[in-house]
Amino acid sequence: MAKTGLVYHPAYLDHDMGTGHPESPNRLRAIMQQLERSGTVARLMRIEPRKAEETWITQVHTPGYVAALSQHAPTSGRVSLDPDTSMSPGSLTAAYFAAGGALAGVDAIMNKQVHHVFCAVRPPGHHAEADRAMGFCLFNNVAIAARYVQKKYDLKRVLIVDWDVHHGNGTQHSFEDDPSILFFSTHQYPHYPGTGRATEKGKGAGEGFTINVPMEAGEGDDEYRAIFRKALVPAADNFKPEFVIISAGFDAHKDDPLASMALTEAGYEDLTGIVVGIAKRHAKGRILSSLEGGYNLTALSVSVDRHIQALLNS
């Protein structure tokens, strides 16, 4: 079995929210160039994404929202969906391929072609709610993948680890009443989107299966490692996930322009190692990692490279 797979498609570059927008096609260009330069890409199995089927998208998003995106998709120019998020002519196709990239990654893992997959996709997903786009996100790629794992492959328990610097409100809201999905998030607080207080622990049957760890500006590698060991590891060991998904944002890096945290690429490598340990103990090593944020091109690309290397070397 190959160790690690890579999902990528040129369609991801066709989603363009305009000159100066931080969530730019150059993010993926920088990542792919770094992986080539370092030689990491030669060690990866390339996985072709497909357009996600609406059957799977509507496990998370309302049919009305999916239809509205199609209706709003422009043939030229841009259409604004929220103050931070717009669609260009290539955006909807990119979004279908981003969600479908996560599904293809799940298939490759479950068919034992690879142990883990990194999805170099855009648009990102963790802010997308059931019925609205927000925060650069159209479809919630990770949430769609989690439901796919459960319904297609009959796995009962999925762990989602979201280390993006912004709270994954969309993912939380998708699963906050569901005890079959453990959602763990570290995020700068208070910061966009304003959710993710420690008191948000889930609802009803899902109470206790949402774990939010608000972080203070300036915290870095040592603090993150400590939180992962003290909060994530015991919760995950108790939950015993059968599949692990990472919302892999790299915007808590010390050089990121949209946040004020102090993680380094070495820190991301260490966090990856902690999650790998959880996956090995409980999930047969199965990890799907999907790109979320990260807006300094150098910090992003090097951090992704170290993240993937940690998967490869596990």
Protein backbone atom coordinates (compact mmCIF):
# COMPACT_ATOMS: atom_id res chain seq x y z
CA MET A 1 0.00 0.00 0.00
CA ALA A 2 1.22 3.49 -0.84
CA LYS A 3 1.53 5.64 2.25
CA THR A 4 0.01 8.99 1.32
CA GLY A 5 -2.13 10.30 -1.50
CA LEU A 6 -2.52 13.79 -2.97
CA VAL A 7 -5.73 15.20 -4.40
CA TYR A 8 -5.31 18.11 -6.81
CA HIS A 9 -7.05 19.38 -9.93
CA PRO A 10 -6.45 22.43 -12.18
CA ALA A 11 -10.14 23.35 -11.80
CA TYR A 12 -9.28 24.58 -8.29
CA LEU A 13 -7.38 27.47 -9.85
CA ASP A 14 -10.46 28.67 -11.76
CA HIS A 15 -12.17 29.88 -8.58
CA ASP A 16 -11.02 33.49 -8.41
CA MET A 17 -12.47 36.06 -6.00
CA GLY A 18 -10.44 38.95 -7.39
CA THR A 19 -7.10 40.71 -7.22
CA GLY A 20 -5.94 41.15 -3.65
CA HIS A 21 -8.29 38.57 -2.15
CA PRO A 22 -6.28 36.45 0.31
CA GLU A 23 -7.96 33.19 -0.76
CA SER A 24 -6.22 33.20 -4.12
CA PRO A 25 -5.35 30.55 -6.72
CA ASN A 26 -1.72 31.37 -5.91
CA ARG A 27 -2.14 29.45 -2.65
CA LEU A 28 -2.35 26.15 -4.50
CA ARG A 29 0.32 27.17 -6.99
CA ALA A 30 2.70 27.84 -4.09
CA ILE A 31 1.88 24.51 -2.44
CA MET A 32 2.40 22.48 -5.61
CA GLN A 33 5.65 24.31 -6.41
CA GLN A 34 6.98 23.63 -2.90
CA LEU A 35 6.07 19.94 -3.09
CA GLU A 36 7.88 19.69 -6.42
CA ARG A 37 10.90 21.60 -5.17
CA SER A 38 11.30 19.49 -2.04
CA GLY A 39 10.74 16.20 -3.82
CA THR A 40 7.76 15.37 -1.60
CA VAL A 41 5.36 15.13 -4.54
CA ALA A 42 7.33 12.22 -6.02
CA ARG A 43 6.54 10.21 -2.89
CA LEU A 44 2.77 10.72 -3.17
CA MET A 45 0.11 8.80 -5.05
CA ARG A 46 -1.93 11.19 -7.17
CA ILE A 47 -5.68 10.81 -6.70
CA GLU A 48 -8.03 12.23 -9.32
CA PRO A 49 -11.01 14.04 -7.85
CA ARG A 50 -14.49 13.90 -9.31
CA LYS A 51 -17.38 16.30 -9.06
CA ALA A 52 -19.21 15.46 -5.84
CA GLU A 53 -22.65 14.03 -6.42
CA GLU A 54 -25.53 16.09 -5.05
CA THR A 55 -26.67 13.04 -3.08
CA TRP A 56 -23.61 13.52 -0.88
CA ILE A 57 -23.56 17.31 -0.85
CA THR A 58 -27.15 17.37 0.39
CA GLN A 59 -26.24 15.17 3.35
CA VAL A 60 -24.84 18.45 4.74
CA HIS A 61 -26.32 21.30 2.67
CA THR A 62 -29.98 21.98 1.93
CA PRO A 63 -31.17 21.28 -1.62
CA GLY A 64 -32.36 24.88 -1.79
CA TYR A 65 -28.87 26.19 -1.06
CA VAL A 66 -27.28 23.94 -3.67
CA ALA A 67 -29.86 25.10 -6.24
CA ALA A 68 -29.30 28.75 -5.32
CA LEU A 69 -25.55 28.44 -5.89
CA SER A 70 -26.23 27.15 -9.40
CA GLN A 71 -28.67 29.98 -10.04
CA HIS A 72 -26.20 32.62 -8.83
CA ALA A 73 -23.16 31.23 -10.66
CA PRO A 74 -22.00 33.92 -13.10
CA THR A 75 -20.94 33.39 -16.70
CA SER A 76 -18.74 36.48 -16.44
CA GLY A 77 -17.59 38.81 -13.69
CA ARG A 78 -18.27 37.97 -10.05
CA VAL A 79 -21.29 37.52 -7.81
CA SER A 80 -21.00 38.32 -4.10
CA LEU A 81 -22.38 35.73 -1.67
CA ASP A 82 -21.24 37.40 1.57
CA PRO A 83 -18.84 40.24 2.39
CA ASP A 84 -15.85 37.90 2.08
CA THR A 85 -17.02 35.36 -0.48
CA SER A 86 -17.85 35.61 -4.16
CA MET A 87 -18.17 33.38 -7.21
CA SER A 88 -16.40 33.69 -10.54
CA PRO A 89 -17.37 31.65 -13.62
CA GLY A 90 -15.13 28.78 -12.50
CA SER A 91 -16.14 28.77 -8.85
CA LEU A 92 -19.04 26.33 -8.86
CA THR A 93 -17.11 23.67 -10.78
CA ALA A 94 -14.17 24.16 -8.42
CA ALA A 95 -16.48 23.72 -5.43
CA TYR A 96 -17.93 20.48 -6.80
CA PHE A 97 -14.40 19.18 -7.47
CA ALA A 98 -13.24 20.28 -3.99
CA ALA A 99 -16.00 18.32 -2.26
CA GLY A 100 -15.48 15.48 -4.73
CA GLY A 101 -11.76 15.53 -4.05
CA ALA A 102 -12.47 14.76 -0.41
CA LEU A 103 -14.78 11.91 -1.46
CA ALA A 104 -12.14 10.50 -3.82
CA GLY A 105 -9.64 10.70 -0.96
CA VAL A 106 -11.98 8.73 1.30
CA ASP A 107 -12.40 6.09 -1.42
CA ALA A 108 -8.63 5.74 -1.84
CA ILE A 109 -8.19 5.24 1.91
CA MET A 110 -11.09 2.84 2.32
CA ASN A 111 -10.00 0.84 -0.75
CA LYS A 112 -6.57 0.52 0.89
CA GLN A 113 -4.68 2.31 -1.87
CA VAL A 114 -3.22 4.68 0.72
CA HIS A 115 -3.25 5.17 4.49
CA HIS A 116 -3.88 8.89 4.31
CA VAL A 117 -4.62 11.65 1.83
CA PHE A 118 -3.94 15.38 1.65
CA CYS A 119 -6.53 17.27 -0.40
CA ALA A 120 -4.99 20.38 -1.96
CA VAL A 121 -8.41 21.84 -2.75
CA ARG A 122 -10.15 25.16 -2.94
CA PRO A 123 -12.53 26.74 -2.19
CA PRO A 124 -12.10 25.71 1.45
CA GLY A 125 -15.12 24.55 3.39
CA HIS A 126 -15.37 24.70 7.17
CA HIS A 127 -17.31 27.98 7.41
CA ALA A 128 -20.01 26.89 4.94
CA GLU A 129 -23.32 26.40 6.73
CA ALA A 130 -26.14 24.11 5.66
CA ASP A 131 -27.85 26.94 3.79
CA ARG A 132 -25.26 29.64 3.18
CA ALA A 133 -21.77 30.39 1.96
CA MET A 134 -19.47 32.36 4.22
CA GLY A 135 -15.83 32.96 5.06
CA PHE A 136 -14.43 32.04 1.60
CA CYS A 137 -16.33 28.69 1.70
CA LEU A 138 -19.05 27.29 -0.61
CA PHE A 139 -19.41 23.58 0.24
CA ASN A 140 -18.23 22.11 3.55
CA ASN A 141 -15.80 19.57 2.10
CA VAL A 142 -14.87 17.99 5.42
CA ALA A 143 -18.44 17.65 6.69
CA ILE A 144 -19.54 16.09 3.40
CA ALA A 145 -16.62 13.63 3.61
CA ALA A 146 -17.54 12.69 7.19
CA ARG A 147 -21.09 11.78 6.25
CA TYR A 148 -19.81 9.91 3.18
CA VAL A 149 -17.49 7.81 5.38
CA GLN A 150 -20.41 6.87 7.58
CA LYS A 151 -23.08 6.23 4.95
CA LYS A 152 -21.04 4.66 2.15
CA TYR A 153 -18.60 2.64 4.26
CA ASP A 154 -20.73 2.06 7.36
CA LEU A 155 -18.15 3.40 9.81
CA LYS A 156 -19.79 4.58 13.02
CA ARG A 157 -17.42 7.10 14.61
CA VAL A 158 -15.55 9.92 12.85
CA LEU A 159 -13.17 12.40 14.49
CA ILE A 160 -12.76 15.83 12.90
CA VAL A 161 -9.75 17.85 14.06
CA ASP A 162 -9.92 21.50 12.96
CA TRP A 163 -6.68 23.41 13.62
CA ASP A 164 -7.48 26.30 11.28
CA VAL A 165 -7.02 29.62 13.10
CA HIS A 166 -10.72 30.40 12.54
CA HIS A 167 -13.45 28.37 14.21
CA GLY A 168 -15.16 25.86 11.91
CA ASN A 169 -18.69 27.07 12.57
CA GLY A 170 -20.19 25.23 9.61
CA THR A 171 -18.73 21.89 10.65
CA GLN A 172 -19.80 22.37 14.26
CA HIS A 173 -23.34 23.25 13.28
CA SER A 174 -23.54 20.24 10.94
CA PHE A 175 -22.85 17.79 13.75
CA GLU A 176 -23.47 19.48 17.11
CA ASP A 177 -26.41 17.19 17.92
CA ASP A 178 -24.66 14.03 16.65
CA PRO A 179 -22.72 11.78 19.05
CA SER A 180 -21.24 9.78 16.16
CA ILE A 181 -18.91 12.64 15.16
CA LEU A 182 -16.42 14.15 17.58
CA PHE A 183 -15.51 17.70 16.52
CA PHE A 184 -12.36 19.20 18.06
CA SER A 185 -11.33 22.77 17.24
CA THR A 186 -8.50 25.05 18.27
CA HIS A 187 -8.87 28.64 17.07
CA GLN A 188 -7.85 32.20 17.89
CA TYR A 189 -10.56 33.76 20.05
CA PRO A 190 -12.14 36.22 19.82
CA HIS A 191 -11.72 36.19 16.05
CA TYR A 192 -13.79 35.57 12.92
CA PRO A 193 -16.48 34.17 12.85
CA GLY A 194 -17.09 34.81 16.56
CA THR A 195 -18.20 31.27 17.42
CA GLY A 196 -16.28 28.54 19.21
CA ARG A 197 -16.53 29.40 22.88
CA ALA A 198 -15.43 26.67 25.29
CA THR A 199 -19.02 26.47 26.50
CA GLU A 200 -20.17 25.30 23.05
CA LYS A 201 -20.10 21.55 23.66
CA GLY A 202 -22.87 20.26 21.42
CA LYS A 203 -26.61 19.86 21.87
CA GLY A 204 -29.01 17.09 22.85
CA ALA A 205 -27.56 13.66 22.12
CA GLY A 206 -24.43 15.38 20.80
CA GLU A 207 -23.59 17.20 24.01
CA GLY A 208 -19.97 16.56 24.89
CA PHE A 209 -19.01 15.62 21.32
CA THR A 210 -18.04 19.18 20.38
CA ILE A 211 -14.79 20.34 21.97
CA ASN A 212 -13.76 23.95 21.43
CA VAL A 213 -10.43 25.24 22.70
CA PRO A 214 -10.22 29.03 22.25
CA MET A 215 -6.59 30.16 21.96
CA GLU A 216 -5.15 33.53 22.90
CA ALA A 217 -3.25 35.63 20.36
CA GLY A 218 0.47 34.88 20.41
CA GLU A 219 0.23 31.24 21.47
CA GLY A 220 2.40 28.90 19.45
CA ASP A 221 3.98 25.47 19.17
CA ASP A 222 4.30 24.70 22.88
CA GLU A 223 0.75 25.75 23.73
CA TYR A 224 -0.77 23.89 20.79
CA ARG A 225 1.14 20.70 21.55
CA ALA A 226 0.02 20.87 25.19
CA ILE A 227 -3.64 21.38 24.22
CA PHE A 228 -3.57 18.51 21.76
CA ARG A 229 -2.03 16.18 24.33
CA LYS A 230 -4.21 17.27 27.26
CA ALA A 231 -7.55 17.80 25.51
CA LEU A 232 -7.61 16.02 22.15
CA VAL A 233 -5.79 12.77 22.91
CA PRO A 234 -7.86 11.71 25.97
CA ALA A 235 -11.14 12.63 24.25
CA ALA A 236 -10.17 10.78 21.08
CA ASP A 237 -8.96 7.73 23.00
CA ASN A 238 -12.31 7.61 24.79
CA PHE A 239 -14.27 8.12 21.54
CA LYS A 240 -12.20 5.58 19.53
CA PRO A 241 -12.73 7.01 16.03
CA GLU A 242 -12.80 4.65 13.07
CA PHE A 243 -11.77 7.44 10.67
CA VAL A 244 -9.97 10.75 11.25
CA ILE A 245 -10.42 13.95 9.22
CA ILE A 246 -8.29 17.08 9.56
CA SER A 247 -9.56 20.53 8.62
CA ALA A 248 -6.03 21.57 7.79
CA GLY A 249 -5.80 25.34 7.90
CA PHE A 250 -2.31 26.77 8.18
CA ASP A 251 -3.27 30.34 9.12
CA ALA A 252 -2.25 29.97 12.78
CA HIS A 253 1.33 30.26 11.47
CA LYS A 254 3.33 33.11 12.96
CA ASP A 255 3.69 34.77 9.54
CA ASP A 256 0.04 34.62 8.49
CA PRO A 257 -1.48 38.04 7.72
CA LEU A 258 -5.04 37.20 8.82
CA ALA A 259 -4.32 36.09 12.38
CA SER A 260 -2.06 36.61 15.39
CA MET A 261 -0.92 33.14 16.43
CA ALA A 262 2.64 31.82 16.55
CA LEU A 263 2.68 28.27 15.20
CA THR A 264 5.62 27.28 13.00
CA GLU A 265 5.95 24.64 10.32
CA ALA A 266 7.64 22.45 12.94
CA GLY A 267 4.58 22.89 15.14
CA TYR A 268 2.29 21.69 12.36
CA GLU A 269 4.52 18.66 11.91
CA ASP A 270 4.21 17.88 15.62
CA LEU A 271 0.41 18.29 15.62
CA THR A 272 0.23 15.96 12.63
CA GLY A 273 2.23 13.38 14.58
CA ILE A 274 -0.21 13.55 17.50
CA VAL A 275 -3.18 13.01 15.18
CA VAL A 276 -1.35 10.15 13.43
CA GLY A 277 -0.97 8.47 16.82
CA ILE A 278 -4.73 8.66 17.41
CA ALA A 279 -5.45 7.28 13.94
CA LYS A 280 -3.01 4.40 14.40
CA ARG A 281 -4.51 3.43 17.75
CA HIS A 282 -8.13 3.48 16.69
CA ALA A 283 -8.69 4.05 12.96
CA LYS A 284 -6.20 1.71 11.24
CA GLY A 285 -4.15 4.81 10.46
CA ARG A 286 -6.87 6.33 8.26
CA ILE A 287 -6.55 10.13 7.92
CA LEU A 288 -8.11 12.47 5.36
CA SER A 289 -6.62 15.97 5.54
CA SER A 290 -8.25 18.78 3.58
CA LEU A 291 -6.88 22.28 3.06
CA GLU A 292 -8.68 25.15 4.73
CA GLY A 293 -6.90 28.49 5.37
CA GLY A 294 -3.33 29.79 5.18
CA TYR A 295 -2.52 33.07 3.47
CA ASN A 296 1.21 33.72 3.62
CA LEU A 297 2.34 31.75 0.57
CA THR A 298 5.73 30.76 1.93
CA ALA A 299 4.44 29.81 5.39
CA LEU A 300 1.52 27.94 3.85
CA SER A 301 3.52 25.93 1.34
CA VAL A 302 6.29 24.95 3.74
CA SER A 303 3.79 24.06 6.49
CA VAL A 304 1.81 21.85 4.08
CA ASP A 305 5.04 20.16 3.02
CA ARG A 306 6.00 19.42 6.63
CA HIS A 307 2.47 18.19 7.35
CA ILE A 308 2.61 15.77 4.42
CA GLN A 309 6.11 14.64 5.34
CA ALA A 310 4.88 13.82 8.83
CA LEU A 311 2.18 11.63 7.27
CA LEU A 312 4.69 9.98 4.93
CA ASN A 313 7.18 9.30 7.72
CA SER A 314 4.64 8.01 10.23
